[in-house]
Amino acid sequence: MPPTPLGKFRLVALIEGCSFMLLVCVGMPLKYLAKIPEPNQVIGYAHGGLFFLYCILLAWAAQSRRWPLWWAGVAFAASLLPIGTFLLDPSLRRELKEESLAAASIEASIRLPSGRGRGVG
């Protein structure tokens, strides 16, 4: 994954989605059905920290990619649904692929010739 704001946001979005699913599918049943609240506290704190990081990286990615406000809102709303970040991921993956192709194209266009085979050096 490239070290860009979008790449970092996508990675945290997937981890945050996993923590949300863990909270809903493991933590809540343990707390309310088995009356074991301790795992829910640990999972809840981890998910809260990841959600905070998600919001920060969302703002960074939205600013760096110049996303319209409505798209940043969609990305935020995705974090409120248990599977929302997984539904958002194909769009992020597609944009990340376009970003890396554009970066490779720019890099190839500014690469200087090495001078080999031309009697230089």
N, C-alpha and C. Protein backbone atom coordinates (compact mmCIF):
# COMPACT_ATOMS: atom_id res chain seq x y z
N MET A 1 0.84 -1.17 0.00
CA MET A 1 0.00 0.00 0.00
C MET A 1 0.89 1.24 0.00
N PRO A 2 0.64 2.16 -0.92
CA PRO A 2 1.49 3.35 -1.00
C PRO A 2 1.35 4.25 0.23
N PRO A 3 2.42 4.93 0.59
CA PRO A 3 2.39 5.78 1.78
C PRO A 3 1.76 7.14 1.49
N THR A 4 0.57 7.14 0.90
CA THR A 4 -0.14 8.38 0.61
C THR A 4 -1.28 8.52 1.61
N PRO A 5 -1.85 9.71 1.73
CA PRO A 5 -3.00 9.86 2.63
C PRO A 5 -4.13 8.89 2.30
N LEU A 6 -4.38 8.68 1.01
CA LEU A 6 -5.45 7.77 0.61
C LEU A 6 -5.12 6.33 0.99
N GLY A 7 -3.88 5.92 0.80
CA GLY A 7 -3.47 4.56 1.16
C GLY A 7 -3.57 4.32 2.66
N LYS A 8 -3.15 5.31 3.43
CA LYS A 8 -3.24 5.18 4.89
C LYS A 8 -4.69 5.16 5.34
N PHE A 9 -5.52 6.00 4.71
CA PHE A 9 -6.94 6.02 5.06
C PHE A 9 -7.59 4.68 4.75
N ARG A 10 -7.29 4.11 3.60
CA ARG A 10 -7.88 2.82 3.23
C ARG A 10 -7.49 1.74 4.23
N LEU A 11 -6.23 1.70 4.61
CA LEU A 11 -5.77 0.70 5.57
C LEU A 11 -6.50 0.84 6.91
N VAL A 12 -6.58 2.05 7.43
CA VAL A 12 -7.25 2.28 8.71
C VAL A 12 -8.75 2.02 8.57
N ALA A 13 -9.34 2.34 7.42
CA ALA A 13 -10.76 2.06 7.21
C ALA A 13 -11.05 0.57 7.32
N LEU A 14 -10.20 -0.25 6.74
CA LEU A 14 -10.40 -1.70 6.83
C LEU A 14 -10.22 -2.21 8.26
N ILE A 15 -9.21 -1.71 8.95
CA ILE A 15 -8.99 -2.13 10.34
C ILE A 15 -10.14 -1.66 11.23
N GLU A 16 -10.59 -0.43 11.02
CA GLU A 16 -11.71 0.11 11.79
C GLU A 16 -12.97 -0.70 11.53
N GLY A 17 -13.20 -1.09 10.29
CA GLY A 17 -14.35 -1.93 9.97
C GLY A 17 -14.29 -3.28 10.66
N CYS A 18 -13.10 -3.86 10.71
CA CYS A 18 -12.93 -5.14 11.42
C CYS A 18 -13.19 -4.97 12.92
N SER A 19 -12.72 -3.86 13.49
CA SER A 19 -12.94 -3.65 14.93
C SER A 19 -14.42 -3.44 15.21
N PHE A 20 -15.14 -2.78 14.31
CA PHE A 20 -16.58 -2.57 14.47
C PHE A 20 -17.31 -3.92 14.42
N MET A 21 -16.94 -4.76 13.46
CA MET A 21 -17.56 -6.08 13.34
C MET A 21 -17.25 -6.92 14.59
N LEU A 22 -16.04 -6.83 15.08
CA LEU A 22 -15.66 -7.56 16.30
C LEU A 22 -16.48 -7.08 17.49
N LEU A 23 -16.68 -5.79 17.57
CA LEU A 23 -17.48 -5.22 18.65
C LEU A 23 -18.92 -5.69 18.58
N VAL A 24 -19.51 -5.66 17.38
CA VAL A 24 -20.91 -6.03 17.21
C VAL A 24 -21.12 -7.54 17.32
N CYS A 25 -20.22 -8.32 16.72
CA CYS A 25 -20.43 -9.77 16.64
C CYS A 25 -19.86 -10.55 17.83
N VAL A 26 -18.90 -9.97 18.55
CA VAL A 26 -18.29 -10.68 19.67
C VAL A 26 -18.54 -9.93 20.98
N GLY A 27 -18.19 -8.66 21.01
CA GLY A 27 -18.28 -7.89 22.25
C GLY A 27 -19.69 -7.74 22.78
N MET A 28 -20.61 -7.35 21.93
CA MET A 28 -22.00 -7.14 22.37
C MET A 28 -22.67 -8.44 22.81
N PRO A 29 -22.55 -9.54 22.05
CA PRO A 29 -23.16 -10.79 22.55
C PRO A 29 -22.55 -11.25 23.88
N LEU A 30 -21.24 -11.08 24.03
CA LEU A 30 -20.64 -11.46 25.31
C LEU A 30 -21.18 -10.60 26.45
N LYS A 31 -21.36 -9.32 26.18
CA LYS A 31 -21.82 -8.41 27.23
C LYS A 31 -23.29 -8.66 27.58
N TYR A 32 -24.15 -8.77 26.58
CA TYR A 32 -25.58 -8.82 26.84
C TYR A 32 -26.16 -10.23 26.95
N LEU A 33 -25.56 -11.20 26.28
CA LEU A 33 -26.09 -12.56 26.35
C LEU A 33 -25.37 -13.40 27.39
N ALA A 34 -24.05 -13.29 27.45
CA ALA A 34 -23.27 -14.09 28.40
C ALA A 34 -22.95 -13.34 29.68
N LYS A 35 -23.32 -12.05 29.73
CA LYS A 35 -23.06 -11.22 30.92
C LYS A 35 -21.57 -11.14 31.26
N ILE A 36 -20.74 -11.05 30.21
CA ILE A 36 -19.29 -10.89 30.38
C ILE A 36 -18.90 -9.55 29.75
N PRO A 37 -18.82 -8.48 30.53
CA PRO A 37 -18.59 -7.15 29.94
C PRO A 37 -17.13 -6.81 29.64
N GLU A 38 -16.19 -7.53 30.20
CA GLU A 38 -14.78 -7.14 30.09
C GLU A 38 -14.27 -7.09 28.64
N PRO A 39 -14.52 -8.11 27.81
CA PRO A 39 -14.01 -8.02 26.43
C PRO A 39 -14.58 -6.83 25.67
N ASN A 40 -15.82 -6.47 25.99
CA ASN A 40 -16.46 -5.35 25.31
C ASN A 40 -15.74 -4.04 25.61
N GLN A 41 -15.22 -3.91 26.82
CA GLN A 41 -14.48 -2.69 27.18
C GLN A 41 -13.20 -2.58 26.36
N VAL A 42 -12.46 -3.66 26.25
CA VAL A 42 -11.20 -3.64 25.49
C VAL A 42 -11.48 -3.39 24.01
N ILE A 43 -12.42 -4.13 23.46
CA ILE A 43 -12.75 -3.96 22.04
C ILE A 43 -13.30 -2.56 21.79
N GLY A 44 -14.11 -2.07 22.72
CA GLY A 44 -14.70 -0.74 22.58
C GLY A 44 -13.67 0.38 22.57
N TYR A 45 -12.70 0.29 23.47
CA TYR A 45 -11.63 1.29 23.49
C TYR A 45 -10.80 1.24 22.21
N ALA A 46 -10.48 0.05 21.76
CA ALA A 46 -9.70 -0.08 20.52
C ALA A 46 -10.49 0.48 19.34
N HIS A 47 -11.77 0.15 19.28
CA HIS A 47 -12.59 0.65 18.18
C HIS A 47 -12.72 2.18 18.24
N GLY A 48 -12.87 2.71 19.44
CA GLY A 48 -12.96 4.17 19.58
C GLY A 48 -11.71 4.88 19.09
N GLY A 49 -10.55 4.34 19.43
CA GLY A 49 -9.30 4.93 18.95
C GLY A 49 -9.17 4.82 17.44
N LEU A 50 -9.56 3.69 16.89
CA LEU A 50 -9.51 3.51 15.44
C LEU A 50 -10.50 4.43 14.73
N PHE A 51 -11.67 4.63 15.33
CA PHE A 51 -12.65 5.54 14.74
C PHE A 51 -12.11 6.97 14.70
N PHE A 52 -11.46 7.37 15.79
CA PHE A 52 -10.85 8.71 15.84
C PHE A 52 -9.78 8.85 14.76
N LEU A 53 -8.93 7.84 14.62
CA LEU A 53 -7.90 7.84 13.58
C LEU A 53 -8.53 7.85 12.19
N TYR A 54 -9.61 7.10 12.01
CA TYR A 54 -10.35 7.07 10.75
C TYR A 54 -10.80 8.49 10.37
N CYS A 55 -11.37 9.21 11.33
CA CYS A 55 -11.86 10.57 11.06
C CYS A 55 -10.72 11.51 10.68
N ILE A 56 -9.60 11.41 11.38
CA ILE A 56 -8.45 12.26 11.06
C ILE A 56 -7.92 11.95 9.65
N LEU A 57 -7.75 10.66 9.35
CA LEU A 57 -7.24 10.29 8.03
C LEU A 57 -8.25 10.56 6.93
N LEU A 58 -9.53 10.49 7.25
CA LEU A 58 -10.56 10.86 6.27
C LEU A 58 -10.41 12.33 5.89
N ALA A 59 -10.24 13.19 6.88
CA ALA A 59 -10.06 14.62 6.60
C ALA A 59 -8.81 14.86 5.77
N TRP A 60 -7.72 14.15 6.10
CA TRP A 60 -6.47 14.31 5.37
C TRP A 60 -6.61 13.82 3.92
N ALA A 61 -7.21 12.65 3.74
CA ALA A 61 -7.38 12.11 2.39
C ALA A 61 -8.33 12.99 1.57
N ALA A 62 -9.41 13.44 2.19
CA ALA A 62 -10.38 14.28 1.48
C ALA A 62 -9.74 15.59 1.04
N GLN A 63 -8.90 16.15 1.90
CA GLN A 63 -8.23 17.41 1.55
C GLN A 63 -7.18 17.19 0.47
N SER A 64 -6.40 16.14 0.60
CA SER A 64 -5.32 15.91 -0.37
C SER A 64 -5.86 15.47 -1.74
N ARG A 65 -6.98 14.76 -1.75
CA ARG A 65 -7.58 14.30 -3.01
C ARG A 65 -8.61 15.28 -3.55
N ARG A 66 -8.88 16.33 -2.78
CA ARG A 66 -9.88 17.35 -3.14
C ARG A 66 -11.25 16.71 -3.41
N TRP A 67 -11.66 15.85 -2.48
CA TRP A 67 -12.98 15.23 -2.60
C TRP A 67 -14.05 16.27 -2.36
N PRO A 68 -15.17 16.15 -3.07
CA PRO A 68 -16.31 17.03 -2.74
C PRO A 68 -16.83 16.69 -1.34
N LEU A 69 -17.47 17.65 -0.72
CA LEU A 69 -17.95 17.47 0.64
C LEU A 69 -18.92 16.29 0.75
N TRP A 70 -19.74 16.09 -0.27
CA TRP A 70 -20.71 15.00 -0.21
C TRP A 70 -20.00 13.64 -0.18
N TRP A 71 -18.86 13.51 -0.90
CA TRP A 71 -18.15 12.23 -0.91
C TRP A 71 -17.47 11.98 0.44
N ALA A 72 -16.93 13.02 1.04
CA ALA A 72 -16.36 12.87 2.38
C ALA A 72 -17.47 12.49 3.37
N GLY A 73 -18.66 13.03 3.17
CA GLY A 73 -19.81 12.66 4.00
C GLY A 73 -20.20 11.20 3.83
N VAL A 74 -20.14 10.71 2.60
CA VAL A 74 -20.41 9.29 2.34
C VAL A 74 -19.38 8.42 3.06
N ALA A 75 -18.11 8.81 2.98
CA ALA A 75 -17.05 8.06 3.64
C ALA A 75 -17.24 8.08 5.16
N PHE A 76 -17.68 9.22 5.70
CA PHE A 76 -17.94 9.29 7.14
C PHE A 76 -19.13 8.41 7.51
N ALA A 77 -20.20 8.48 6.72
CA ALA A 77 -21.39 7.67 6.99
C ALA A 77 -21.06 6.18 6.94
N ALA A 78 -20.12 5.80 6.08
CA ALA A 78 -19.73 4.39 5.98
C ALA A 78 -19.16 3.89 7.29
N SER A 79 -18.53 4.77 8.05
CA SER A 79 -17.94 4.34 9.32
C SER A 79 -19.00 4.11 10.40
N LEU A 80 -20.22 4.55 10.15
CA LEU A 80 -21.28 4.39 11.13
C LEU A 80 -22.06 3.09 10.95
N LEU A 81 -21.83 2.41 9.85
CA LEU A 81 -22.49 1.13 9.57
C LEU A 81 -21.50 0.00 9.80
N PRO A 82 -21.95 -1.11 10.37
CA PRO A 82 -21.00 -2.20 10.64
C PRO A 82 -20.23 -2.69 9.42
N ILE A 83 -20.84 -2.72 8.24
CA ILE A 83 -20.10 -3.16 7.05
C ILE A 83 -19.82 -2.02 6.08
N GLY A 84 -20.04 -0.79 6.55
CA GLY A 84 -19.91 0.37 5.67
C GLY A 84 -18.52 0.56 5.08
N THR A 85 -17.48 0.37 5.87
CA THR A 85 -16.13 0.58 5.36
C THR A 85 -15.76 -0.48 4.32
N PHE A 86 -16.36 -1.67 4.45
CA PHE A 86 -16.10 -2.72 3.46
C PHE A 86 -16.83 -2.40 2.14
N LEU A 87 -17.98 -1.74 2.24
CA LEU A 87 -18.70 -1.32 1.04
C LEU A 87 -17.98 -0.14 0.36
N LEU A 88 -17.31 0.67 1.13
CA LEU A 88 -16.56 1.82 0.61
C LEU A 88 -15.25 1.39 -0.04
N ASP A 89 -14.70 0.27 0.39
CA ASP A 89 -13.36 -0.15 -0.03
C ASP A 89 -13.16 -0.27 -1.54
N PRO A 90 -14.09 -0.84 -2.32
CA PRO A 90 -13.84 -0.90 -3.77
C PRO A 90 -13.61 0.47 -4.41
N SER A 91 -14.33 1.48 -3.95
CA SER A 91 -14.12 2.84 -4.48
C SER A 91 -12.74 3.36 -4.08
N LEU A 92 -12.35 3.12 -2.84
CA LEU A 92 -11.02 3.57 -2.40
C LEU A 92 -9.92 2.83 -3.14
N ARG A 93 -10.11 1.52 -3.34
CA ARG A 93 -9.10 0.73 -4.06
C ARG A 93 -8.95 1.22 -5.50
N ARG A 94 -10.09 1.52 -6.15
CA ARG A 94 -10.05 2.02 -7.52
C ARG A 94 -9.33 3.37 -7.59
N GLU A 95 -9.64 4.26 -6.65
CA GLU A 95 -8.99 5.57 -6.64
C GLU A 95 -7.50 5.45 -6.31
N LEU A 96 -7.16 4.52 -5.44
CA LEU A 96 -5.76 4.30 -5.10
C LEU A 96 -4.99 3.77 -6.30
N LYS A 97 -5.62 2.89 -7.07
CA LYS A 97 -4.99 2.36 -8.28
C LYS A 97 -4.76 3.49 -9.29
N GLU A 98 -5.76 4.33 -9.47
CA GLU A 98 -5.61 5.48 -10.38
C GLU A 98 -4.50 6.41 -9.90
N GLU A 99 -4.42 6.60 -8.60
CA GLU A 99 -3.38 7.46 -8.03
C GLU A 99 -1.99 6.89 -8.29
N SER A 100 -1.83 5.59 -8.12
CA SER A 100 -0.51 5.00 -8.33
C SER A 100 -0.14 4.96 -9.81
N LEU A 101 -1.13 4.77 -10.69
CA LEU A 101 -0.84 4.82 -12.13
C LEU A 101 -0.43 6.23 -12.56
N ALA A 102 -1.10 7.23 -12.01
CA ALA A 102 -0.75 8.62 -12.34
C ALA A 102 0.65 8.94 -11.82
N ALA A 103 0.98 8.48 -10.64
CA ALA A 103 2.31 8.74 -10.09
C ALA A 103 3.38 8.04 -10.91
N ALA A 104 3.11 6.82 -11.37
CA ALA A 104 4.07 6.10 -12.19
C ALA A 104 4.25 6.79 -13.54
N SER A 105 3.17 7.31 -14.08
CA SER A 105 3.25 8.02 -15.36
C SER A 105 4.09 9.29 -15.23
N ILE A 106 3.89 10.03 -14.15
CA ILE A 106 4.66 11.25 -13.92
C ILE A 106 6.13 10.91 -13.72
N GLU A 107 6.39 9.86 -12.94
CA GLU A 107 7.76 9.44 -12.69
C GLU A 107 8.46 9.02 -13.97
N ALA A 108 7.76 8.30 -14.84
CA ALA A 108 8.35 7.85 -16.10
C ALA A 108 8.62 9.03 -17.03
N SER A 109 7.77 10.06 -16.98
CA SER A 109 7.96 11.18 -17.88
C SER A 109 9.11 12.09 -17.47
N ILE A 110 9.48 12.07 -16.17
CA ILE A 110 10.58 12.94 -15.75
C ILE A 110 11.89 12.19 -15.54
N ARG A 111 11.89 10.89 -15.76
CA ARG A 111 13.10 10.10 -15.58
C ARG A 111 14.12 10.50 -16.65
N LEU A 112 15.31 10.75 -16.22
CA LEU A 112 16.38 11.15 -17.13
C LEU A 112 17.04 9.89 -17.71
N PRO A 113 17.51 9.96 -18.94
CA PRO A 113 18.22 8.80 -19.50
C PRO A 113 19.50 8.54 -18.73
N SER A 114 19.88 7.28 -18.64
CA SER A 114 21.04 6.90 -17.83
C SER A 114 22.36 7.19 -18.54
N GLY A 115 22.35 7.33 -19.84
CA GLY A 115 23.58 7.62 -20.57
C GLY A 115 24.33 6.37 -21.00
N ARG A 116 23.85 5.21 -20.68
CA ARG A 116 24.53 3.98 -21.09
C ARG A 116 24.38 3.76 -22.58
N GLY A 117 25.42 3.26 -23.16
CA GLY A 117 25.39 2.93 -24.58
C GLY A 117 25.57 4.12 -25.49
N ARG A 118 25.84 5.28 -24.91
CA ARG A 118 26.03 6.46 -25.75
C ARG A 118 27.42 7.03 -25.61
N GLY A 119 28.33 6.27 -25.04
CA GLY A 119 29.69 6.72 -24.90
C GLY A 119 29.90 7.73 -23.80
N VAL A 120 28.94 7.88 -22.95
CA VAL A 120 29.03 8.85 -21.86
C VAL A 120 29.50 8.13 -20.62
N GLY A 121 30.39 8.75 -19.87
CA GLY A 121 30.75 8.25 -18.58
C GLY A 121 31.82 7.28 -18.57
